[in-house]
Protein backbone atom coordinates (compact mmCIF):
# COMPACT_ATOMS: atom_id res chain seq x y z
CA MET A 1 0.03 0.26 0.15
CA GLU A 2 1.28 3.51 -0.95
CA ILE A 3 2.18 5.92 2.07
CA LYS A 4 3.81 8.20 0.40
CA ALA A 5 4.04 9.54 -3.77
CA ALA A 6 6.61 11.60 -4.91
CA ASP A 7 6.93 15.18 -5.01
CA ASP A 8 6.39 17.20 -7.70
CA LYS A 9 9.79 18.40 -9.59
CA GLN A 10 7.93 20.57 -11.75
CA ARG A 11 8.50 23.62 -9.65
CA ASP A 12 12.08 23.19 -10.05
CA ILE A 13 12.01 22.77 -13.50
CA ASP A 14 9.98 25.54 -14.37
CA ALA A 15 12.19 27.77 -12.11
CA LEU A 16 15.14 26.56 -14.31
CA GLU A 17 13.48 27.02 -17.54
CA ALA A 18 12.75 31.07 -16.23
CA LEU A 19 16.75 31.13 -15.44
CA LEU A 20 17.50 29.74 -18.79
CA ALA A 21 15.13 32.28 -20.64
CA ARG A 22 16.63 35.37 -18.38
CA PRO A 23 18.75 37.83 -20.34
CA GLY A 24 22.31 38.18 -19.90
CA VAL A 25 23.18 34.71 -18.71
CA THR A 26 26.45 33.59 -19.95
CA ALA A 27 26.98 30.58 -22.47
CA ASP A 28 28.39 28.80 -19.32
CA THR A 29 26.00 29.13 -16.93
CA GLN A 30 23.20 28.32 -19.74
CA HIS A 31 25.12 25.05 -20.36
CA ARG A 32 25.24 23.98 -16.59
CA ILE A 33 21.44 25.11 -16.05
CA GLN A 34 20.69 22.68 -19.13
CA ASP A 35 22.92 20.08 -17.31
CA GLU A 36 21.29 20.12 -14.06
CA LEU A 37 17.59 20.34 -16.10
CA ARG A 38 18.78 17.24 -17.92
CA LEU A 39 19.92 15.40 -14.60
CA ILE A 40 16.01 16.30 -12.67
CA ARG A 41 14.11 14.89 -15.88
CA SER A 42 16.00 11.85 -16.09
CA GLY A 43 15.81 11.36 -12.27
CA VAL A 44 12.00 12.12 -12.49
CA GLN A 45 12.38 9.52 -15.28
CA ALA A 46 13.81 7.16 -13.80
CA GLU A 47 11.88 7.23 -10.17
CA ARG A 48 8.64 6.98 -11.89
CA ASP A 49 9.87 3.96 -14.06
CA ALA A 50 10.92 2.33 -10.20
CA ALA A 51 7.64 3.07 -8.40
CA TYR A 52 5.60 1.55 -11.34
CA GLU A 53 6.96 -1.22 -10.85
CA ILE A 54 6.58 -0.89 -7.04
CA GLU A 55 3.03 -0.33 -7.04
CA PHE A 56 1.94 -2.46 -9.53
CA HIS A 57 3.27 -5.29 -7.69
CA PHE A 58 2.64 -4.31 -3.96
CA GLY A 59 0.46 -1.23 -4.08
CA ASN A 60 -2.73 -3.14 -3.69
CA SER A 61 -1.31 -4.99 -0.79
CA HIS A 62 -1.32 -4.75 3.24
CA ASN A 63 1.83 -6.64 3.65
CA GLN A 64 4.11 -4.03 2.11
CA MET A 65 3.89 -0.38 2.66
CA THR A 66 5.75 1.64 0.29
CA LEU A 67 6.85 5.14 -0.31
CA HIS A 68 8.47 7.45 -2.81
CA ASP A 69 10.91 10.29 -2.86
CA LEU A 70 11.80 10.57 1.23
CA ARG A 71 13.95 12.94 2.49
CA LEU A 72 15.30 12.36 6.24
CA GLU A 73 17.74 14.28 8.51
CA SER A 74 19.63 12.64 11.09
CA ARG A 75 22.29 13.75 13.54
CA GLY A 76 23.24 16.36 10.95
CA ARG A 77 23.28 13.79 8.09
CA VAL A 78 20.60 13.70 5.13
CA ALA A 79 19.11 10.63 3.05
CA GLN A 80 17.13 11.34 0.09
CA ILE A 81 15.73 8.03 -0.39
CA ASP A 82 14.13 7.31 -3.69
CA HIS A 83 11.99 4.40 -2.87
CA LEU A 84 11.23 2.37 0.37
CA ILE A 85 9.37 -0.98 0.88
CA ILE A 86 8.35 -2.21 4.30
CA THR A 87 7.21 -5.59 4.50
CA ARG A 88 5.54 -7.71 7.05
CA LEU A 89 8.99 -9.67 7.86
CA PHE A 90 10.12 -5.85 8.75
CA GLN A 91 12.73 -5.90 5.81
CA VAL A 92 13.03 -2.13 5.00
CA TRP A 93 14.24 -2.11 1.01
CA VAL A 94 15.85 1.10 0.37
CA CYS A 95 16.04 1.60 -3.25
CA GLU A 96 17.89 4.36 -5.59
CA SER A 97 16.61 4.65 -8.48
CA LYS A 98 18.57 5.30 -11.78
CA SER A 99 18.09 6.22 -15.40
CA PHE A 100 21.25 5.55 -17.71
CA ALA A 101 19.03 6.07 -21.45
CA ASP A 102 22.99 5.26 -22.90
CA GLY A 103 24.09 2.75 -20.47
CA VAL A 104 26.20 2.36 -17.71
CA ARG A 105 29.47 0.16 -17.00
CA ILE A 106 30.84 -1.36 -13.53
CA ASN A 107 34.51 -2.45 -13.57
CA ALA A 108 36.45 -4.83 -11.53
CA HIS A 109 37.44 -2.45 -8.92
CA GLY A 110 33.70 -1.27 -8.35
CA GLU A 111 34.00 1.94 -10.17
CA TRP A 112 30.94 3.42 -12.50
CA GLU A 113 30.95 4.92 -15.94
CA ARG A 114 28.02 6.16 -17.53
CA PHE A 115 27.57 6.54 -21.40
CA TYR A 116 27.07 9.61 -23.54
CA GLY A 117 26.30 8.19 -27.06
CA ARG A 118 29.81 6.49 -27.54
CA ARG A 119 32.04 8.33 -24.52
CA ALA A 120 31.97 7.37 -20.90
CA TYR A 121 32.18 9.34 -17.38
CA GLY A 122 32.82 8.64 -14.18
CA ILE A 123 29.88 8.71 -11.75
CA PRO A 124 29.83 8.46 -7.73
CA SER A 125 28.60 4.60 -7.12
CA PRO A 126 24.95 4.42 -6.36
CA ILE A 127 26.11 1.45 -4.60
CA GLU A 128 27.64 3.57 -1.83
CA GLN A 129 25.11 6.20 -2.16
CA ASN A 130 23.02 3.95 -1.12
CA ARG A 131 24.98 2.71 1.50
CA ARG A 132 24.85 6.38 3.25
CA HIS A 133 21.19 6.36 2.76
CA LEU A 134 21.01 3.32 5.07
CA LEU A 135 23.14 4.92 7.83
CA VAL A 136 20.74 7.64 8.14
CA LEU A 137 18.12 6.19 8.13
CA GLY A 138 19.35 3.46 11.20
CA ASP A 139 19.94 6.55 13.08
CA VAL A 140 16.39 7.39 12.41
CA PHE A 141 15.40 4.19 13.62
CA LYS A 142 17.34 4.79 16.79
CA ASP A 143 16.12 8.56 17.29
CA ALA A 144 13.02 9.78 15.73
CA VAL A 145 10.57 6.34 15.48
CA ARG A 146 8.55 4.25 17.60
CA LEU A 147 9.66 0.69 17.23
CA PRO A 148 7.30 -2.15 18.19
CA ARG A 149 8.34 -4.25 20.96
CA ARG A 150 8.11 -8.01 21.74
CA VAL A 151 8.64 -10.12 24.96
CA GLY A 152 10.52 -6.89 26.66
CA PHE A 153 12.69 -6.52 23.47
CA THR A 154 12.59 -4.31 20.73
CA LEU A 155 12.11 -5.30 17.14
CA VAL A 156 14.77 -3.66 14.73
CA PRO A 157 13.71 -3.74 11.07
CA GLU A 158 16.33 -5.30 8.62
CA LEU A 159 17.63 -2.82 6.09
CA LYS A 160 18.39 -4.27 2.63
CA SER A 161 19.57 -2.42 -0.48
CA LEU A 162 19.01 -1.93 -3.97
CA VAL A 163 19.93 -0.02 -7.01
CA ILE A 164 17.22 -0.03 -9.51
CA ILE A 165 18.27 1.02 -13.32
CA SER A 166 15.62 1.88 -15.76
CA ASN A 167 14.50 -1.17 -17.96
CA ARG A 168 15.84 1.04 -20.74
CA GLY A 169 19.39 1.20 -19.28
CA ARG A 170 22.49 -0.93 -20.53
CA ILE A 171 24.28 -2.51 -17.69
CA VAL A 172 28.11 -3.72 -18.37
CA ARG A 173 28.89 -5.74 -15.54
CA PRO A 174 32.42 -6.86 -14.38
CA PRO A 175 33.71 -10.09 -15.94
CA PRO A 176 32.27 -13.39 -13.86
CA GLY A 177 33.40 -14.42 -10.93
CA THR A 178 34.49 -10.08 -9.98
CA ARG A 179 34.17 -9.79 -6.63
CA ILE A 180 32.53 -6.61 -5.40
CA ASP A 181 30.75 -5.81 -2.21
CA GLY A 182 27.14 -4.90 -3.27
CA LEU A 183 27.51 -6.08 -6.79
CA ASP A 184 24.33 -8.24 -6.54
CA THR A 185 21.75 -5.20 -5.18
CA VAL A 186 22.32 -3.82 -9.11
CA ILE A 187 19.28 -4.91 -10.49
CA LYS A 188 16.53 -3.87 -13.71
CA ALA A 189 13.64 -2.92 -12.38
CA GLU A 190 11.77 -5.46 -14.10
CA ALA A 191 13.32 -7.68 -11.64
CA LEU A 192 12.17 -6.03 -8.70
CA GLU A 193 9.19 -7.91 -7.41
CA HIS A 194 10.77 -11.09 -8.48
CA VAL A 195 13.76 -10.33 -5.96
CA VAL A 196 11.88 -8.78 -2.58
CA ARG A 197 9.34 -11.84 -2.75
CA GLY A 198 12.58 -14.35 -3.26
CA ALA A 199 13.97 -12.77 -0.03
CA ILE A 200 10.69 -13.53 1.52
CA ASP A 201 10.81 -16.86 0.15
CA LYS A 202 14.03 -17.44 1.24
CA ALA A 203 13.79 -16.23 4.88
CA GLY A 204 14.42 -18.56 7.77
CA PRO A 205 12.60 -19.45 11.14
CA THR A 206 14.38 -16.37 12.68
CA VAL A 207 13.04 -14.11 10.28
CA PHE A 208 9.70 -15.73 10.59
CA ALA A 209 9.57 -14.75 14.08
CA LYS A 210 9.69 -11.07 13.31
CA ILE A 211 6.71 -11.38 11.47
CA VAL A 212 4.94 -8.03 12.45
CA SER A 213 1.21 -7.18 11.75
CA SER A 214 0.14 -5.17 8.40
CA ARG A 215 -1.09 -2.39 10.95
CA THR A 216 2.60 -2.14 12.31
CA ILE A 217 4.50 -1.68 9.49
CA GLU A 218 1.73 1.01 8.29
CA ASP A 219 2.53 2.60 11.63
CA LEU A 220 6.03 2.52 10.68
CA ALA A 221 5.85 3.60 7.31
CA ARG A 222 3.33 7.33 8.74
CA GLN A 223 6.14 8.15 10.94
CA LEU A 224 8.57 8.20 8.14
CA ALA A 225 6.43 9.72 5.94
CA ALA A 226 5.72 12.66 8.94
CA LEU A 227 9.53 12.88 9.11
CA HIS A 228 9.60 13.69 5.62
CA ARG A 229 11.74 17.13 5.00
CA PRO A 230 11.71 18.45 1.66
CA ILE A 231 13.87 20.98 0.56
CA ALA A 232 13.51 24.19 -1.45
CA ILE A 233 16.22 24.95 -3.69
CA ASP A 234 17.29 28.69 -4.47
CA TRP A 235 18.06 27.91 -8.02
CA ALA A 236 19.39 31.45 -8.68
CA ALA A 237 21.58 31.55 -5.91
CA ARG A 238 22.86 27.99 -6.59
CA PHE A 239 23.93 29.25 -10.39
CA GLY A 240 25.33 32.83 -8.93
CA LEU A 241 22.67 34.64 -10.18
CA PRO A 242 20.53 37.45 -8.75
CA ALA A 243 17.51 36.41 -6.79
CA THR A 244 15.12 38.73 -9.89
CA PRO A 245 16.09 39.43 -13.26
CA GLN A 246 18.07 42.36 -13.48
CA ALA A 247 15.28 45.50 -14.61
CA GLN A 248 16.67 46.47 -18.13
CA PRO A 249 17.23 49.96 -18.52
CA PRO A 250 14.02 51.96 -20.07
CA ALA A 251 14.62 52.98 -23.72
CA PRO A 252 14.54 56.85 -24.03
CA PRO A 253 11.18 58.08 -25.44
CA ALA A 254 10.87 58.96 -29.05
CA ALA A 255 11.38 62.08 -29.53
CA MET A 256 7.91 64.10 -30.75
CA GLN A 257 8.55 66.81 -33.61
CA VAL A 258 5.69 69.17 -34.58
CA ASP A 259 6.47 70.62 -37.70
CA ARG A 260 4.65 74.05 -36.77
CA GLU A 261 5.47 77.72 -37.01
CA PRO A 262 6.69 79.52 -34.00
CA GLN A 263 3.88 81.65 -32.35
CA PRO A 264 4.40 84.98 -31.04
CA VAL A 265 3.96 85.11 -27.06
CA ARG A 266 2.00 87.79 -25.54
CA ALA A 267 3.59 88.80 -22.38
CA GLY A 268 0.75 87.32 -19.81
CA ALA A 269 0.66 84.14 -21.82
CA GLU A 270 4.25 84.00 -21.20
CA ARG A 271 4.05 85.02 -17.41
CA VAL A 272 1.59 82.26 -17.49
CA ALA A 273 4.04 79.56 -19.01
CA GLN A 274 6.65 80.64 -16.96
CA GLY A 275 4.40 79.45 -13.78
CA LYS A 276 3.61 83.12 -12.50
CA GLY A 277 -0.12 81.58 -12.25
CA PRO A 278 -3.24 81.61 -14.10
CA ARG A 279 -4.17 85.23 -15.60
CA SER A 280 -7.07 85.65 -13.75
CA LEU A 281 -4.61 85.50 -10.68
CA ALA A 282 -1.84 87.77 -12.46
CA THR A 283 0.55 89.90 -10.20
CA CYS A 284 1.24 93.45 -11.04
CA GLU A 285 5.04 92.98 -11.60
CA SER A 286 6.00 96.45 -10.12
CA CYS A 287 4.36 96.30 -6.59
CA GLY A 288 3.44 92.63 -6.35
CA ARG A 289 -0.50 93.23 -5.95
CA THR A 290 -2.67 90.33 -7.55
CA VAL A 291 -4.61 92.30 -10.37
CA SER A 292 -8.07 91.17 -11.66
CA ARG A 293 -8.43 89.32 -15.26
CA GLY A 294 -9.69 92.56 -16.34
CA VAL A 295 -7.03 94.40 -15.44
CA ALA A 296 -4.33 92.04 -16.56
CA ARG A 297 -6.05 92.00 -20.29
CA TYR A 298 -5.83 96.14 -20.10
CA SER A 299 -2.26 95.37 -19.58
CA ARG A 300 -1.40 93.09 -22.54
CA ASP A 301 -3.95 94.82 -24.82
CA HIS A 302 -1.83 98.48 -24.18
CA ALA A 303 1.57 95.99 -24.00
CA ASP A 304 3.45 98.65 -26.09
CA ARG A 305 2.53 101.34 -23.30
CA PHE A 306 3.29 99.36 -20.42
CA GLY A 307 6.31 97.72 -22.02
CA GLY A 308 4.98 94.53 -21.75
CA ARG A 309 3.93 93.82 -18.31
CA ILE A 310 0.99 93.45 -15.95
CA LEU A 311 0.71 96.48 -14.04
CA CYS A 312 -1.97 96.85 -11.10
CA MET A 313 -4.46 100.26 -12.25
CA ASP A 314 -1.98 102.05 -9.53
CA CYS A 315 0.89 101.25 -11.40
CA GLN A 316 -0.37 101.98 -14.83
CA GLN A 317 -1.41 105.68 -13.72
CA GLU A 318 2.12 106.17 -12.16
CA VAL A 319 3.24 104.73 -15.97
CA GLY A 320 1.02 107.66 -18.22
CA GLY A 321 -2.55 106.31 -16.52
CA PRO A 322 -4.62 104.21 -19.06
CA VAL A 323 -5.84 105.11 -22.52
CA ALA A 324 -9.05 106.89 -22.85
């Protein structure tokens, strides 16, 4: 029975695609982002293939509990576990799923290489990677979950490792007879059900003595699901980019040209254009008193007499009086 499904990775994919679309990102950074996108997408496909096999065979059974994409933290260490299968024999299968479209090769020293086309590139050993996951999970069982007890003893799950290669991937193994610790845990996704059920068939009397109820393994699975600690990755920071795209300087506005003959500006209009107030609230340019609209108009109409100035009636008299 599935207790936890895989987290949705679309948000990470969208964030990386948005970084690719940013202006000004260097070609080197774009290549790194594209590599990250390729890894995420291939990882999602590998996890999906393995999850399909797991749920096809165990999803409808209460004798096995399954969890996918489980991130656990314990004692300062982290385990990003692709799949967990918990059986009533109290076996916990820790599964690391990998997608190698062009194949993978394991040499006689236990070193891993994956193929891109005809070229091979060294990669970390998934066997060792999963072994570290088992260590963290063991600490979680010691520190953070309630384990069942029987006759005064605490039942401790048996941790078992599997490295699941997608069915489309090619595995080049070392020559027969080569002894590499953990090599037998590397299987194709299609062999998963056979391996897990085979372990049950081969179990001895001491293992059957540890059989627990479906309720017990469901409780354990739900405790682990509650300890899931997803992480939100700041992709921009990872690639040395600012949190938000750099604002582009605004384009200068297009010059607006009006082909028009210049018009003469009378003194009063020039005064308004210079911000000295509307004509109805003009001020005398001699004494500073406010003048009415009619007085201001009179000054403009007789600009030749008043030197183009707006004057109050008193100042007009001093200049020479109004024209009759």
